[in-house]
Structures are given as C-alpha cells and as structure tokens.
Amino acid sequence: MNRRYTKSDLEEIVATQLENLNAMHDLLSIMKHQNQLLEKANKKLKDEVSDFKQKMYPKL
C-alpha cells in the first residue's frame, strides 16, 4: 500500500525533523558543557589528591 504525501504532509515532516535536529543540537551543547565541567572538576580533584599524597608521604 503506497501512501501519497501532499506538499503539506512533507512540509510538516521536514518541520518536525528540523525541530528534532535543533533539540539534539541543544542536548549535545549541554553535554559538551557538562563534560567541560567534569574535566575541570577531575583536574581539581587530581591536583588535590596529589597534594594530599605529597603531604602524607613527603619525599625523603
């Protein structure tokens, strides 16, 4: 059974796809920002652990 799409149907499909692409772009931007925050927090934590280890086990 072949369905015939009207111009209006196709415009609605394209508009919906564009909305979905924009939503995915927004989500990717949020994820990129979250990753940047995680990288910054991980670096800070790594530095703090390193400093703590040096205080606990000073090099002789």
C-alpha atoms as a PDB file:
ATOM      1  CA  MET A   1       0.000   0.000   0.000  1.00  0.00           C
ATOM      2  CA  ASN A   2       1.725   3.168  -1.201  1.00  0.00           C
ATOM      3  CA  ARG A   3       0.829   6.342   0.590  1.00  0.00           C
ATOM      4  CA  ARG A   4       0.836   9.586  -1.331  1.00  0.00           C
ATOM      5  CA  TYR A   5       2.172  12.542   0.594  1.00  0.00           C
ATOM      6  CA  THR A   6       0.886  16.013  -0.031  1.00  0.00           C
ATOM      7  CA  LYS A   7       3.150  19.030  -0.041  1.00  0.00           C
ATOM      8  CA  SER A   8       1.637  19.954   3.318  1.00  0.00           C
ATOM      9  CA  ASP A   9       2.469  16.487   4.721  1.00  0.00           C
ATOM     10  CA  LEU A  10       6.067  16.775   3.554  1.00  0.00           C
ATOM     11  CA  GLU A  11       6.419  20.298   4.964  1.00  0.00           C
ATOM     12  CA  GLU A  12       5.156  19.052   8.321  1.00  0.00           C
ATOM     13  CA  ILE A  13       7.610  16.121   8.270  1.00  0.00           C
ATOM     14  CA  VAL A  14      10.519  18.422   7.419  1.00  0.00           C
ATOM     15  CA  ALA A  15       9.496  20.897  10.132  1.00  0.00           C
ATOM     16  CA  THR A  16       9.347  18.080  12.690  1.00  0.00           C
ATOM     17  CA  GLN A  17      12.762  16.800  11.608  1.00  0.00           C
ATOM     18  CA  LEU A  18      14.189  20.298  11.947  1.00  0.00           C
ATOM     19  CA  GLU A  19      12.736  20.602  15.464  1.00  0.00           C
ATOM     20  CA  ASN A  20      14.304  17.253  16.369  1.00  0.00           C
ATOM     21  CA  LEU A  21      17.683  18.289  14.956  1.00  0.00           C
ATOM     22  CA  ASN A  22      17.558  21.539  16.920  1.00  0.00           C
ATOM     23  CA  ALA A  23      16.661  19.625  20.091  1.00  0.00           C
ATOM     24  CA  MET A  24      19.565  17.205  19.519  1.00  0.00           C
ATOM     25  CA  HIS A  25      21.908  20.160  18.947  1.00  0.00           C
ATOM     26  CA  ASP A  26      20.780  21.696  22.239  1.00  0.00           C
ATOM     27  CA  LEU A  27      21.322  18.403  24.063  1.00  0.00           C
ATOM     28  CA  LEU A  28      24.784  17.998  22.542  1.00  0.00           C
ATOM     29  CA  SER A  29      25.675  21.528  23.632  1.00  0.00           C
ATOM     30  CA  ILE A  30      24.534  20.741  27.177  1.00  0.00           C
ATOM     31  CA  MET A  31      26.528  17.501  27.190  1.00  0.00           C
ATOM     32  CA  LYS A  32      29.631  19.306  25.915  1.00  0.00           C
ATOM     33  CA  HIS A  33      29.306  21.873  28.710  1.00  0.00           C
ATOM     34  CA  GLN A  34      28.794  19.112  31.306  1.00  0.00           C
ATOM     35  CA  ASN A  35      31.897  17.319  30.011  1.00  0.00           C
ATOM     36  CA  GLN A  36      33.909  20.515  30.340  1.00  0.00           C
ATOM     37  CA  LEU A  37      32.706  20.907  33.932  1.00  0.00           C
ATOM     38  CA  LEU A  38      33.576  17.273  34.682  1.00  0.00           C
ATOM     39  CA  GLU A  39      37.048  17.646  33.187  1.00  0.00           C
ATOM     40  CA  LYS A  40      37.631  20.759  35.293  1.00  0.00           C
ATOM     41  CA  ALA A  41      36.388  19.009  38.457  1.00  0.00           C
ATOM     42  CA  ASN A  42      38.504  15.924  37.719  1.00  0.00           C
ATOM     43  CA  LYS A  43      41.628  18.032  37.239  1.00  0.00           C
ATOM     44  CA  LYS A  44      40.972  19.858  40.506  1.00  0.00           C
ATOM     45  CA  LEU A  45      40.394  16.568  42.335  1.00  0.00           C
ATOM     46  CA  LYS A  46      43.533  15.037  40.806  1.00  0.00           C
ATOM     47  CA  ASP A  47      45.564  18.051  41.946  1.00  0.00           C
ATOM     48  CA  GLU A  48      44.085  17.876  45.454  1.00  0.00           C
ATOM     49  CA  VAL A  49      44.827  14.140  45.748  1.00  0.00           C
ATOM     50  CA  SER A  50      48.364  14.725  44.509  1.00  0.00           C
ATOM     51  CA  ASP A  51      48.893  17.488  47.074  1.00  0.00           C
ATOM     52  CA  PHE A  52      47.445  15.275  49.819  1.00  0.00           C
ATOM     53  CA  LYS A  53      49.742  12.385  48.914  1.00  0.00           C
ATOM     54  CA  GLN A  54      52.775  14.680  48.981  1.00  0.00           C
ATOM     55  CA  LYS A  55      51.813  15.886  52.472  1.00  0.00           C
ATOM     56  CA  MET A  56      51.245  12.324  53.738  1.00  0.00           C
ATOM     57  CA  TYR A  57      54.312  10.808  52.106  1.00  0.00           C
ATOM     58  CA  PRO A  58      56.943  13.505  51.783  1.00  0.00           C
ATOM     59  CA  LYS A  59      59.813  12.612  49.523  1.00  0.00           C
ATOM     60  CA  LEU A  60      62.963  11.927  51.517  1.00  0.00           C
END
